[in-house]
Each structure stands twice: as C-alpha cells, then as structure tokens.
Amino acid sequence: MTVFPSTPHVLLLPGWQNSDASHWQSLWEQRYGYTRVQQHDWQRPLRGDWSIQLQEAVLDSERDVVLVAHSLGCMLAAWWAAHSPLAKTRVKAALLVAPGDVEQADLRQILPGWSPVMLQRLPFRSVLVGSRNDPYCSFARAQQMAQAWGSELVDLGHAGHINSDSGLGDWDAGHALLQQLMKD
C-alpha cells in the first residue's frame, strides 16, 4: 500500500478589519477552500486573543498547516511562532504578504499592544512579499523583517498594500508562490 503525504491545511490570517470580498485572501478562500482564521474583533484586535484563535485553528487541524498572512496577520504569525511549540511541529511554511509595521507611530496608536514587531527567526520556511509603496510598511522595513524572520523576500514592485485596492484579483502569481512554497 502506498501512503501519500497529506496536503497541508491552508490557514488564512487576514489583517486588521479582515479581508473584504474582493481581497485575494477571500477569493482564495472561495476558489480553493482555504480556511480563514476567524477573530472575535476585527476592529479592535487584541494580540493575545488573535494568538489564541490561531493556536486553536492549528490544534483543530487534522493535518499540518501552511499560513497565508496579510498585513497584521503577518505580525500575528511572527508573534505566535515565537511563543507556540506548535509552530515548530505543525507549521510547514508561511506566505507573509505586506506586513503592517506596527511600530509606525500612526499604527501603534490604532493597534495598541502589537508593538514591538517580533523579529525572531521563524521555525518554518517562509516567503515575505513586500511592496515598494506600501503605506503601512516601507520596503526597507519589509527587508529587515524578512531578514530577521529568515524569509525569502519577493519584491512586488509598486503594488500598494497588496490588497483589494491593488487590483490583483485572484492574484494568480501569489498563489503560484504559495504552491511552490508548499512543494518545497
């Protein structure tokens, strides 16, 4: 009898205010059946609460997981990975897109409790996709995060916050990155 490794369970980690219906994360959820990690409060995110929701989602999965994070979801992934033993044993990889720099003065006020950014090496493979004109994170800061997290950095050019406003639609190139990450 041949045993095939199971495909990892893809968990979507939206950022602050969730991902709207035209966001690539929402389109991937509909198209591919990926699982969105639901949060109790998308408007006033509490880091501890969000971390518990991620912990529960990983525990509830019957398979290993791959994280697909956007914006504050990237900060969640980094924070959770530094504190949960499950990050080493259950997470195969992560696609981290347009991290929100919660140390920026305006974001620090809007998102209290999320600063400082956890700049510790991730215990799983990761790719960070950054934009050169992201209003929530400079490209230099995205480079710093990628280096600290041990992530491969992908420069998406001038794509804003890599969200619905960026006009990416299904973002097939991003999904190809995810598929490659899941193969490795």
N, C-alpha and C. Protein backbone atom coordinates (compact mmCIF):
# COMPACT_ATOMS: atom_id res chain seq x y z
N MET A 1 0.85 -1.19 0.00
CA MET A 1 0.00 0.00 0.00
C MET A 1 0.89 1.24 0.00
N THR A 2 0.62 2.17 -0.90
CA THR A 2 1.38 3.42 -0.97
C THR A 2 0.70 4.46 -0.10
N VAL A 3 1.51 5.13 0.72
CA VAL A 3 0.99 6.19 1.58
C VAL A 3 1.46 7.52 1.01
N PHE A 4 0.52 8.40 0.71
CA PHE A 4 0.86 9.71 0.18
C PHE A 4 0.80 10.73 1.32
N PRO A 5 1.77 11.64 1.36
CA PRO A 5 1.70 12.68 2.39
C PRO A 5 0.45 13.54 2.15
N SER A 6 -0.20 13.91 3.21
CA SER A 6 -1.41 14.72 3.03
C SER A 6 -1.03 16.16 2.70
N THR A 7 -1.87 16.79 1.92
CA THR A 7 -1.67 18.18 1.58
C THR A 7 -1.88 19.02 2.83
N PRO A 8 -1.01 19.98 3.08
CA PRO A 8 -1.20 20.81 4.27
C PRO A 8 -2.52 21.59 4.22
N HIS A 9 -3.02 21.89 5.38
CA HIS A 9 -4.23 22.68 5.55
C HIS A 9 -3.81 24.15 5.49
N VAL A 10 -4.37 24.90 4.57
CA VAL A 10 -4.00 26.31 4.42
C VAL A 10 -4.90 27.17 5.31
N LEU A 11 -4.25 27.91 6.21
CA LEU A 11 -4.96 28.83 7.10
C LEU A 11 -4.69 30.26 6.66
N LEU A 12 -5.75 31.00 6.40
CA LEU A 12 -5.66 32.40 6.01
C LEU A 12 -5.70 33.28 7.25
N LEU A 13 -4.72 34.19 7.37
CA LEU A 13 -4.65 35.11 8.50
C LEU A 13 -4.81 36.54 7.98
N PRO A 14 -6.06 37.03 7.90
CA PRO A 14 -6.26 38.41 7.45
C PRO A 14 -5.71 39.40 8.47
N GLY A 15 -5.61 40.63 8.03
CA GLY A 15 -5.14 41.69 8.91
C GLY A 15 -6.28 42.43 9.58
N TRP A 16 -5.95 43.58 10.11
CA TRP A 16 -6.89 44.44 10.81
C TRP A 16 -8.08 44.73 9.89
N GLN A 17 -9.27 44.60 10.40
CA GLN A 17 -10.54 44.83 9.72
C GLN A 17 -10.93 43.71 8.76
N ASN A 18 -10.17 42.61 8.76
CA ASN A 18 -10.48 41.44 7.95
C ASN A 18 -10.22 41.73 6.47
N SER A 19 -10.36 40.75 5.64
CA SER A 19 -10.18 40.91 4.19
C SER A 19 -11.56 40.96 3.54
N ASP A 20 -11.81 42.02 2.76
CA ASP A 20 -13.13 42.18 2.14
C ASP A 20 -13.33 41.16 1.01
N ALA A 21 -14.52 41.17 0.44
CA ALA A 21 -14.91 40.15 -0.54
C ALA A 21 -14.04 40.14 -1.79
N SER A 22 -13.44 41.27 -2.18
CA SER A 22 -12.62 41.30 -3.38
C SER A 22 -11.12 41.15 -3.09
N HIS A 23 -10.77 40.95 -1.83
CA HIS A 23 -9.37 40.73 -1.44
C HIS A 23 -8.94 39.35 -1.91
N TRP A 24 -7.70 39.20 -2.33
CA TRP A 24 -7.20 37.92 -2.83
C TRP A 24 -7.36 36.81 -1.79
N GLN A 25 -7.25 37.11 -0.49
CA GLN A 25 -7.46 36.06 0.51
C GLN A 25 -8.89 35.52 0.45
N SER A 26 -9.85 36.42 0.33
CA SER A 26 -11.25 35.99 0.25
C SER A 26 -11.50 35.20 -1.03
N LEU A 27 -10.89 35.64 -2.12
CA LEU A 27 -11.06 34.92 -3.39
C LEU A 27 -10.42 33.54 -3.32
N TRP A 28 -9.27 33.43 -2.66
CA TRP A 28 -8.63 32.12 -2.49
C TRP A 28 -9.48 31.22 -1.60
N GLU A 29 -10.08 31.80 -0.56
CA GLU A 29 -10.95 31.02 0.33
C GLU A 29 -12.09 30.40 -0.47
N GLN A 30 -12.72 31.20 -1.34
CA GLN A 30 -13.83 30.71 -2.15
C GLN A 30 -13.38 29.73 -3.21
N ARG A 31 -12.28 30.05 -3.89
CA ARG A 31 -11.83 29.25 -5.02
C ARG A 31 -11.18 27.93 -4.61
N TYR A 32 -10.38 27.95 -3.54
CA TYR A 32 -9.59 26.78 -3.17
C TYR A 32 -10.04 26.11 -1.87
N GLY A 33 -11.00 26.72 -1.18
CA GLY A 33 -11.50 26.11 0.06
C GLY A 33 -10.57 26.28 1.26
N TYR A 34 -9.69 27.28 1.22
CA TYR A 34 -8.81 27.52 2.36
C TYR A 34 -9.62 28.02 3.56
N THR A 35 -9.06 27.89 4.74
CA THR A 35 -9.76 28.23 5.97
C THR A 35 -9.29 29.57 6.52
N ARG A 36 -10.23 30.48 6.70
CA ARG A 36 -9.92 31.78 7.33
C ARG A 36 -9.96 31.59 8.85
N VAL A 37 -8.91 32.03 9.52
CA VAL A 37 -8.92 32.02 10.98
C VAL A 37 -9.76 33.21 11.42
N GLN A 38 -10.90 32.91 12.03
CA GLN A 38 -11.83 33.96 12.46
C GLN A 38 -11.36 34.58 13.77
N GLN A 39 -11.56 35.88 13.88
CA GLN A 39 -11.20 36.62 15.10
C GLN A 39 -12.46 37.17 15.75
N HIS A 40 -12.40 37.34 17.06
CA HIS A 40 -13.56 37.86 17.79
C HIS A 40 -13.84 39.32 17.45
N ASP A 41 -12.78 40.09 17.23
CA ASP A 41 -12.96 41.52 16.97
C ASP A 41 -11.96 41.97 15.92
N TRP A 42 -12.45 42.20 14.72
CA TRP A 42 -11.59 42.62 13.61
C TRP A 42 -11.25 44.10 13.70
N GLN A 43 -12.06 44.88 14.43
CA GLN A 43 -11.85 46.33 14.51
C GLN A 43 -10.87 46.73 15.61
N ARG A 44 -10.92 46.02 16.73
CA ARG A 44 -10.04 46.30 17.87
C ARG A 44 -9.28 45.02 18.22
N PRO A 45 -8.29 44.67 17.41
CA PRO A 45 -7.59 43.40 17.60
C PRO A 45 -6.72 43.37 18.85
N LEU A 46 -6.87 42.32 19.61
CA LEU A 46 -6.02 42.09 20.77
C LEU A 46 -5.06 40.96 20.43
N ARG A 47 -3.77 41.21 20.59
CA ARG A 47 -2.76 40.25 20.17
C ARG A 47 -2.95 38.89 20.85
N GLY A 48 -3.22 38.89 22.13
CA GLY A 48 -3.41 37.63 22.85
C GLY A 48 -4.62 36.86 22.33
N ASP A 49 -5.72 37.56 22.12
CA ASP A 49 -6.94 36.94 21.61
C ASP A 49 -6.70 36.37 20.21
N TRP A 50 -6.08 37.15 19.34
CA TRP A 50 -5.81 36.67 17.99
C TRP A 50 -4.88 35.46 18.02
N SER A 51 -3.90 35.48 18.92
CA SER A 51 -2.96 34.35 19.03
C SER A 51 -3.68 33.08 19.47
N ILE A 52 -4.61 33.23 20.40
CA ILE A 52 -5.38 32.06 20.86
C ILE A 52 -6.21 31.49 19.71
N GLN A 53 -6.80 32.35 18.90
CA GLN A 53 -7.60 31.88 17.77
C GLN A 53 -6.73 31.10 16.78
N LEU A 54 -5.51 31.58 16.55
CA LEU A 54 -4.60 30.86 15.66
C LEU A 54 -4.18 29.53 16.28
N GLN A 55 -3.88 29.55 17.55
CA GLN A 55 -3.50 28.31 18.26
C GLN A 55 -4.61 27.27 18.15
N GLU A 56 -5.84 27.69 18.37
CA GLU A 56 -6.98 26.78 18.28
C GLU A 56 -7.15 26.23 16.86
N ALA A 57 -6.96 27.09 15.86
CA ALA A 57 -7.10 26.64 14.47
C ALA A 57 -6.05 25.59 14.12
N VAL A 58 -4.83 25.78 14.60
CA VAL A 58 -3.77 24.80 14.34
C VAL A 58 -4.08 23.50 15.09
N LEU A 59 -4.50 23.62 16.33
CA LEU A 59 -4.85 22.42 17.11
C LEU A 59 -6.01 21.66 16.48
N ASP A 60 -6.98 22.38 15.94
CA ASP A 60 -8.17 21.75 15.36
C ASP A 60 -7.89 21.08 14.01
N SER A 61 -6.81 21.48 13.36
CA SER A 61 -6.49 20.91 12.05
C SER A 61 -6.00 19.47 12.21
N GLU A 62 -6.50 18.61 11.36
CA GLU A 62 -6.06 17.21 11.38
C GLU A 62 -4.79 17.01 10.57
N ARG A 63 -4.34 18.06 9.90
CA ARG A 63 -3.12 18.00 9.09
C ARG A 63 -2.18 19.11 9.51
N ASP A 64 -0.94 19.03 9.04
CA ASP A 64 -0.03 20.15 9.22
C ASP A 64 -0.59 21.34 8.45
N VAL A 65 -0.13 22.53 8.79
CA VAL A 65 -0.71 23.74 8.20
C VAL A 65 0.34 24.58 7.48
N VAL A 66 -0.16 25.39 6.56
CA VAL A 66 0.59 26.45 5.92
C VAL A 66 -0.18 27.73 6.20
N LEU A 67 0.53 28.75 6.65
CA LEU A 67 -0.09 30.03 6.98
C LEU A 67 0.02 30.97 5.78
N VAL A 68 -1.07 31.68 5.50
CA VAL A 68 -1.09 32.70 4.45
C VAL A 68 -1.59 33.97 5.12
N ALA A 69 -0.62 34.85 5.44
CA ALA A 69 -0.92 36.03 6.25
C ALA A 69 -0.84 37.31 5.43
N HIS A 70 -1.70 38.26 5.78
CA HIS A 70 -1.66 39.59 5.17
C HIS A 70 -1.65 40.63 6.28
N SER A 71 -0.78 41.62 6.14
CA SER A 71 -0.73 42.79 7.00
C SER A 71 -0.56 42.43 8.47
N LEU A 72 -1.54 42.74 9.32
CA LEU A 72 -1.43 42.41 10.74
C LEU A 72 -1.37 40.90 10.95
N GLY A 73 -1.90 40.14 9.99
CA GLY A 73 -1.78 38.68 10.05
C GLY A 73 -0.33 38.22 10.06
N CYS A 74 0.56 38.98 9.40
CA CYS A 74 2.00 38.66 9.42
C CYS A 74 2.56 38.87 10.83
N MET A 75 2.13 39.95 11.47
CA MET A 75 2.58 40.21 12.84
C MET A 75 2.08 39.11 13.78
N LEU A 76 0.86 38.67 13.56
CA LEU A 76 0.29 37.57 14.33
C LEU A 76 1.12 36.30 14.14
N ALA A 77 1.44 35.97 12.91
CA ALA A 77 2.22 34.76 12.63
C ALA A 77 3.57 34.80 13.34
N ALA A 78 4.24 35.94 13.27
CA ALA A 78 5.57 36.07 13.90
C ALA A 78 5.47 35.98 15.42
N TRP A 79 4.50 36.66 16.00
CA TRP A 79 4.33 36.65 17.45
C TRP A 79 3.97 35.24 17.92
N TRP A 80 2.98 34.63 17.28
CA TRP A 80 2.54 33.29 17.66
C TRP A 80 3.67 32.27 17.52
N ALA A 81 4.43 32.35 16.42
CA ALA A 81 5.52 31.40 16.18
C ALA A 81 6.60 31.48 17.26
N ALA A 82 6.79 32.67 17.82
CA ALA A 82 7.80 32.83 18.86
C ALA A 82 7.35 32.25 20.20
N HIS A 83 6.06 31.98 20.34
CA HIS A 83 5.53 31.55 21.64
C HIS A 83 4.88 30.17 21.66
N SER A 84 4.53 29.63 20.51
CA SER A 84 3.83 28.35 20.48
C SER A 84 4.75 27.22 20.01
N PRO A 85 4.84 26.14 20.79
CA PRO A 85 5.61 24.99 20.34
C PRO A 85 5.04 24.36 19.06
N LEU A 86 3.76 24.60 18.78
CA LEU A 86 3.14 24.06 17.57
C LEU A 86 3.76 24.63 16.30
N ALA A 87 4.35 25.82 16.40
CA ALA A 87 4.96 26.43 15.22
C ALA A 87 6.08 25.56 14.67
N LYS A 88 6.79 24.86 15.54
CA LYS A 88 7.91 24.01 15.11
C LYS A 88 7.43 22.66 14.59
N THR A 89 6.31 22.19 15.10
CA THR A 89 5.89 20.82 14.78
C THR A 89 4.74 20.73 13.79
N ARG A 90 3.92 21.77 13.67
CA ARG A 90 2.71 21.67 12.85
C ARG A 90 2.67 22.61 11.65
N VAL A 91 3.54 23.62 11.62
CA VAL A 91 3.53 24.58 10.51
C VAL A 91 4.63 24.21 9.53
N LYS A 92 4.24 23.98 8.29
CA LYS A 92 5.18 23.62 7.24
C LYS A 92 5.82 24.85 6.60
N ALA A 93 5.05 25.92 6.45
CA ALA A 93 5.57 27.11 5.76
C ALA A 93 4.58 28.27 5.95
N ALA A 94 5.01 29.46 5.52
CA ALA A 94 4.14 30.63 5.58
C ALA A 94 4.42 31.56 4.42
N LEU A 95 3.34 32.09 3.85
CA LEU A 95 3.41 33.16 2.87
C LEU A 95 2.97 34.42 3.62
N LEU A 96 3.89 35.36 3.76
CA LEU A 96 3.67 36.58 4.55
C LEU A 96 3.61 37.76 3.58
N VAL A 97 2.46 38.38 3.47
CA VAL A 97 2.23 39.40 2.44
C VAL A 97 1.95 40.76 3.07
N ALA A 98 2.73 41.76 2.65
CA ALA A 98 2.52 43.15 3.05
C ALA A 98 2.41 43.30 4.57
N PRO A 99 3.46 42.94 5.30
CA PRO A 99 3.37 43.08 6.76
C PRO A 99 3.09 44.53 7.14
N GLY A 100 2.24 44.71 8.14
CA GLY A 100 1.96 46.05 8.64
C GLY A 100 2.96 46.37 9.74
N ASP A 101 3.70 47.44 9.57
CA ASP A 101 4.72 47.82 10.56
C ASP A 101 4.05 48.48 11.75
N VAL A 102 3.73 47.69 12.76
CA VAL A 102 3.00 48.18 13.93
C VAL A 102 3.85 49.10 14.81
N GLU A 103 5.11 49.30 14.44
CA GLU A 103 5.94 50.26 15.17
C GLU A 103 5.84 51.66 14.58
N GLN A 104 5.19 51.82 13.41
CA GLN A 104 4.93 53.16 12.88
C GLN A 104 4.03 53.89 13.88
N ALA A 105 4.29 55.16 14.08
CA ALA A 105 3.55 55.92 15.11
C ALA A 105 2.04 55.85 14.92
N ASP A 106 1.55 56.04 13.67
CA ASP A 106 0.10 56.02 13.45
C ASP A 106 -0.50 54.64 13.71
N LEU A 107 0.20 53.58 13.31
CA LEU A 107 -0.33 52.23 13.56
C LEU A 107 -0.23 51.84 15.03
N ARG A 108 0.82 52.30 15.68
CA ARG A 108 0.98 51.99 17.11
C ARG A 108 -0.20 52.54 17.91
N GLN A 109 -0.71 53.71 17.52
CA GLN A 109 -1.87 54.30 18.21
C GLN A 109 -3.15 53.54 17.89
N ILE A 110 -3.32 53.12 16.64
CA ILE A 110 -4.53 52.43 16.22
C ILE A 110 -4.56 50.99 16.74
N LEU A 111 -3.38 50.37 16.82
CA LEU A 111 -3.26 48.95 17.19
C LEU A 111 -2.40 48.79 18.45
N PRO A 112 -2.89 49.30 19.58
CA PRO A 112 -2.08 49.19 20.80
C PRO A 112 -1.87 47.73 21.19
N GLY A 113 -0.71 47.44 21.74
CA GLY A 113 -0.41 46.08 22.19
C GLY A 113 0.26 45.21 21.16
N TRP A 114 0.43 45.70 19.92
CA TRP A 114 1.06 44.89 18.87
C TRP A 114 2.52 45.25 18.68
N SER A 115 2.97 46.34 19.27
CA SER A 115 4.35 46.77 19.13
C SER A 115 5.13 46.30 20.37
N PRO A 116 6.38 45.90 20.23
CA PRO A 116 7.22 45.93 19.04
C PRO A 116 6.95 44.72 18.14
N VAL A 117 7.47 44.81 16.91
CA VAL A 117 7.40 43.70 15.97
C VAL A 117 8.30 42.58 16.50
N MET A 118 7.80 41.37 16.47
CA MET A 118 8.61 40.21 16.88
C MET A 118 9.59 39.92 15.76
N LEU A 119 10.86 40.17 16.00
CA LEU A 119 11.89 39.97 14.97
C LEU A 119 12.76 38.78 15.34
N GLN A 120 12.14 37.64 15.43
CA GLN A 120 12.80 36.38 15.76
C GLN A 120 12.67 35.43 14.58
N ARG A 121 13.71 34.66 14.31
CA ARG A 121 13.69 33.73 13.18
C ARG A 121 12.50 32.78 13.30
N LEU A 122 11.76 32.61 12.21
CA LEU A 122 10.61 31.70 12.20
C LEU A 122 11.10 30.26 12.13
N PRO A 123 10.42 29.34 12.80
CA PRO A 123 10.85 27.94 12.80
C PRO A 123 10.32 27.14 11.62
N PHE A 124 9.92 27.82 10.56
CA PHE A 124 9.41 27.18 9.34
C PHE A 124 9.81 28.03 8.15
N ARG A 125 9.78 27.42 6.96
CA ARG A 125 10.09 28.16 5.73
C ARG A 125 9.07 29.27 5.52
N SER A 126 9.55 30.37 4.95
CA SER A 126 8.61 31.46 4.69
C SER A 126 9.09 32.34 3.54
N VAL A 127 8.10 32.94 2.89
CA VAL A 127 8.33 33.93 1.85
C VAL A 127 7.59 35.18 2.27
N LEU A 128 8.28 36.31 2.24
CA LEU A 128 7.66 37.60 2.54
C LEU A 128 7.54 38.37 1.23
N VAL A 129 6.34 38.80 0.90
CA VAL A 129 6.09 39.59 -0.31
C VAL A 129 5.87 41.03 0.13
N GLY A 130 6.72 41.92 -0.35
CA GLY A 130 6.62 43.32 0.00
C GLY A 130 6.41 44.20 -1.21
N SER A 131 5.96 45.42 -0.95
CA SER A 131 5.69 46.41 -1.99
C SER A 131 6.51 47.65 -1.71
N ARG A 132 6.95 48.30 -2.77
CA ARG A 132 7.79 49.50 -2.62
C ARG A 132 6.99 50.75 -2.27
N ASN A 133 5.67 50.71 -2.34
CA ASN A 133 4.85 51.87 -1.99
C ASN A 133 3.72 51.49 -1.03
N ASP A 134 4.01 50.56 -0.14
CA ASP A 134 3.02 50.16 0.87
C ASP A 134 2.95 51.26 1.93
N PRO A 135 1.78 51.86 2.14
CA PRO A 135 1.68 52.93 3.13
C PRO A 135 1.84 52.45 4.57
N TYR A 136 1.74 51.13 4.79
CA TYR A 136 1.81 50.60 6.15
C TYR A 136 3.14 49.95 6.49
N CYS A 137 4.06 49.91 5.51
CA CYS A 137 5.37 49.32 5.77
C CYS A 137 6.32 49.70 4.64
N SER A 138 7.39 50.39 4.97
CA SER A 138 8.37 50.74 3.95
C SER A 138 9.04 49.47 3.43
N PHE A 139 9.56 49.53 2.22
CA PHE A 139 10.22 48.35 1.67
C PHE A 139 11.47 48.01 2.47
N ALA A 140 12.17 49.03 2.96
CA ALA A 140 13.36 48.79 3.79
C ALA A 140 12.98 48.03 5.06
N ARG A 141 11.85 48.38 5.64
CA ARG A 141 11.39 47.70 6.86
C ARG A 141 10.97 46.26 6.52
N ALA A 142 10.31 46.06 5.38
CA ALA A 142 9.95 44.71 4.95
C ALA A 142 11.20 43.86 4.76
N GLN A 143 12.25 44.46 4.19
CA GLN A 143 13.53 43.75 4.04
C GLN A 143 14.08 43.34 5.40
N GLN A 144 14.01 44.26 6.36
CA GLN A 144 14.51 43.97 7.71
C GLN A 144 13.72 42.81 8.34
N MET A 145 12.41 42.83 8.19
CA MET A 145 11.58 41.75 8.73
C MET A 145 11.93 40.42 8.06
N ALA A 146 12.05 40.43 6.74
CA ALA A 146 12.38 39.20 6.01
C ALA A 146 13.70 38.63 6.51
N GLN A 147 14.68 39.48 6.69
CA GLN A 147 15.99 39.01 7.16
C GLN A 147 15.88 38.43 8.57
N ALA A 148 15.19 39.15 9.46
CA ALA A 148 15.06 38.68 10.85
C ALA A 148 14.28 37.37 10.93
N TRP A 149 13.25 37.24 10.10
CA TRP A 149 12.41 36.04 10.13
C TRP A 149 13.00 34.87 9.34
N GLY A 150 14.08 35.13 8.59
CA GLY A 150 14.66 34.08 7.76
C GLY A 150 13.82 33.79 6.53
N SER A 151 13.09 34.81 6.07
CA SER A 151 12.17 34.66 4.93
C SER A 151 12.85 35.03 3.63
N GLU A 152 12.47 34.33 2.57
CA GLU A 152 12.84 34.77 1.23
C GLU A 152 12.01 36.01 0.94
N LEU A 153 12.62 37.04 0.36
CA LEU A 153 11.92 38.28 0.07
C LEU A 153 11.57 38.36 -1.41
N VAL A 154 10.29 38.64 -1.70
CA VAL A 154 9.82 38.86 -3.06
C VAL A 154 9.39 40.31 -3.18
N ASP A 155 9.99 41.03 -4.12
CA ASP A 155 9.69 42.43 -4.37
C ASP A 155 8.58 42.50 -5.41
N LEU A 156 7.40 42.95 -4.99
CA LEU A 156 6.25 43.03 -5.90
C LEU A 156 6.19 44.38 -6.61
N GLY A 157 7.21 45.20 -6.43
CA GLY A 157 7.23 46.50 -7.09
C GLY A 157 6.29 47.47 -6.40
N HIS A 158 5.59 48.26 -7.17
CA HIS A 158 4.67 49.27 -6.65
C HIS A 158 3.25 48.70 -6.65
N ALA A 159 2.93 47.96 -5.60
CA ALA A 159 1.62 47.28 -5.51
C ALA A 159 0.83 47.73 -4.29
N GLY A 160 1.16 48.88 -3.73
CA GLY A 160 0.43 49.38 -2.58
C GLY A 160 0.50 48.40 -1.42
N HIS A 161 -0.63 48.20 -0.76
CA HIS A 161 -0.69 47.32 0.41
C HIS A 161 -1.03 45.87 0.02
N ILE A 162 -0.96 45.58 -1.26
CA ILE A 162 -1.21 44.24 -1.79
C ILE A 162 -2.56 43.71 -1.28
N ASN A 163 -3.57 44.55 -1.48
CA ASN A 163 -4.93 44.22 -1.02
C ASN A 163 -5.91 44.47 -2.16
N SER A 164 -7.17 44.62 -1.85
CA SER A 164 -8.20 44.85 -2.88
C SER A 164 -7.90 46.08 -3.72
N ASP A 165 -7.40 47.14 -3.08
CA ASP A 165 -7.10 48.38 -3.80
C ASP A 165 -5.97 48.22 -4.81
N SER A 166 -5.18 47.16 -4.67
CA SER A 166 -4.05 46.93 -5.58
C SER A 166 -4.49 46.34 -6.92
N GLY A 167 -5.77 45.93 -7.01
CA GLY A 167 -6.31 45.41 -8.27
C GLY A 167 -5.71 44.08 -8.71
N LEU A 168 -5.38 43.23 -7.76
CA LEU A 168 -4.75 41.95 -8.08
C LEU A 168 -5.74 40.85 -8.44
N GLY A 169 -7.00 41.05 -8.12
CA GLY A 169 -7.99 40.00 -8.36
C GLY A 169 -7.62 38.73 -7.61
N ASP A 170 -7.65 37.61 -8.31
CA ASP A 170 -7.29 36.32 -7.68
C ASP A 170 -5.81 36.20 -7.34
N TRP A 171 -5.00 37.11 -7.84
CA TRP A 171 -3.55 37.14 -7.63
C TRP A 171 -2.93 35.77 -7.88
N ASP A 172 -3.04 35.34 -9.12
CA ASP A 172 -2.52 34.04 -9.53
C ASP A 172 -1.02 33.90 -9.26
N ALA A 173 -0.25 34.98 -9.43
CA ALA A 173 1.19 34.91 -9.18
C ALA A 173 1.46 34.64 -7.70
N GLY A 174 0.63 35.20 -6.83
CA GLY A 174 0.77 34.94 -5.39
C GLY A 174 0.43 33.50 -5.07
N HIS A 175 -0.60 32.97 -5.73
CA HIS A 175 -0.98 31.58 -5.48
C HIS A 175 0.10 30.65 -5.99
N ALA A 176 0.76 31.01 -7.07
CA ALA A 176 1.89 30.21 -7.57
C ALA A 176 3.02 30.18 -6.55
N LEU A 177 3.27 31.33 -5.90
CA LEU A 177 4.28 31.37 -4.83
C LEU A 177 3.90 30.42 -3.70
N LEU A 178 2.63 30.43 -3.33
CA LEU A 178 2.15 29.54 -2.27
C LEU A 178 2.33 28.08 -2.68
N GLN A 179 1.96 27.76 -3.90
CA GLN A 179 2.08 26.37 -4.36
C GLN A 179 3.54 25.90 -4.35
N GLN A 180 4.45 26.78 -4.76
CA GLN A 180 5.87 26.43 -4.74
C GLN A 180 6.34 26.24 -3.30
N LEU A 181 5.91 27.09 -2.43
CA LEU A 181 6.28 27.00 -1.01
C LEU A 181 5.78 25.69 -0.41
N MET A 182 4.60 25.25 -0.83
CA MET A 182 4.04 24.01 -0.30
C MET A 182 4.75 22.78 -0.84
N LYS A 183 5.37 22.89 -2.03
CA LYS A 183 6.10 21.78 -2.64
C LYS A 183 7.44 21.54 -1.97
N ASP A 184 8.11 22.65 -1.64
CA ASP A 184 9.48 22.55 -1.10
C ASP A 184 9.55 21.84 0.23
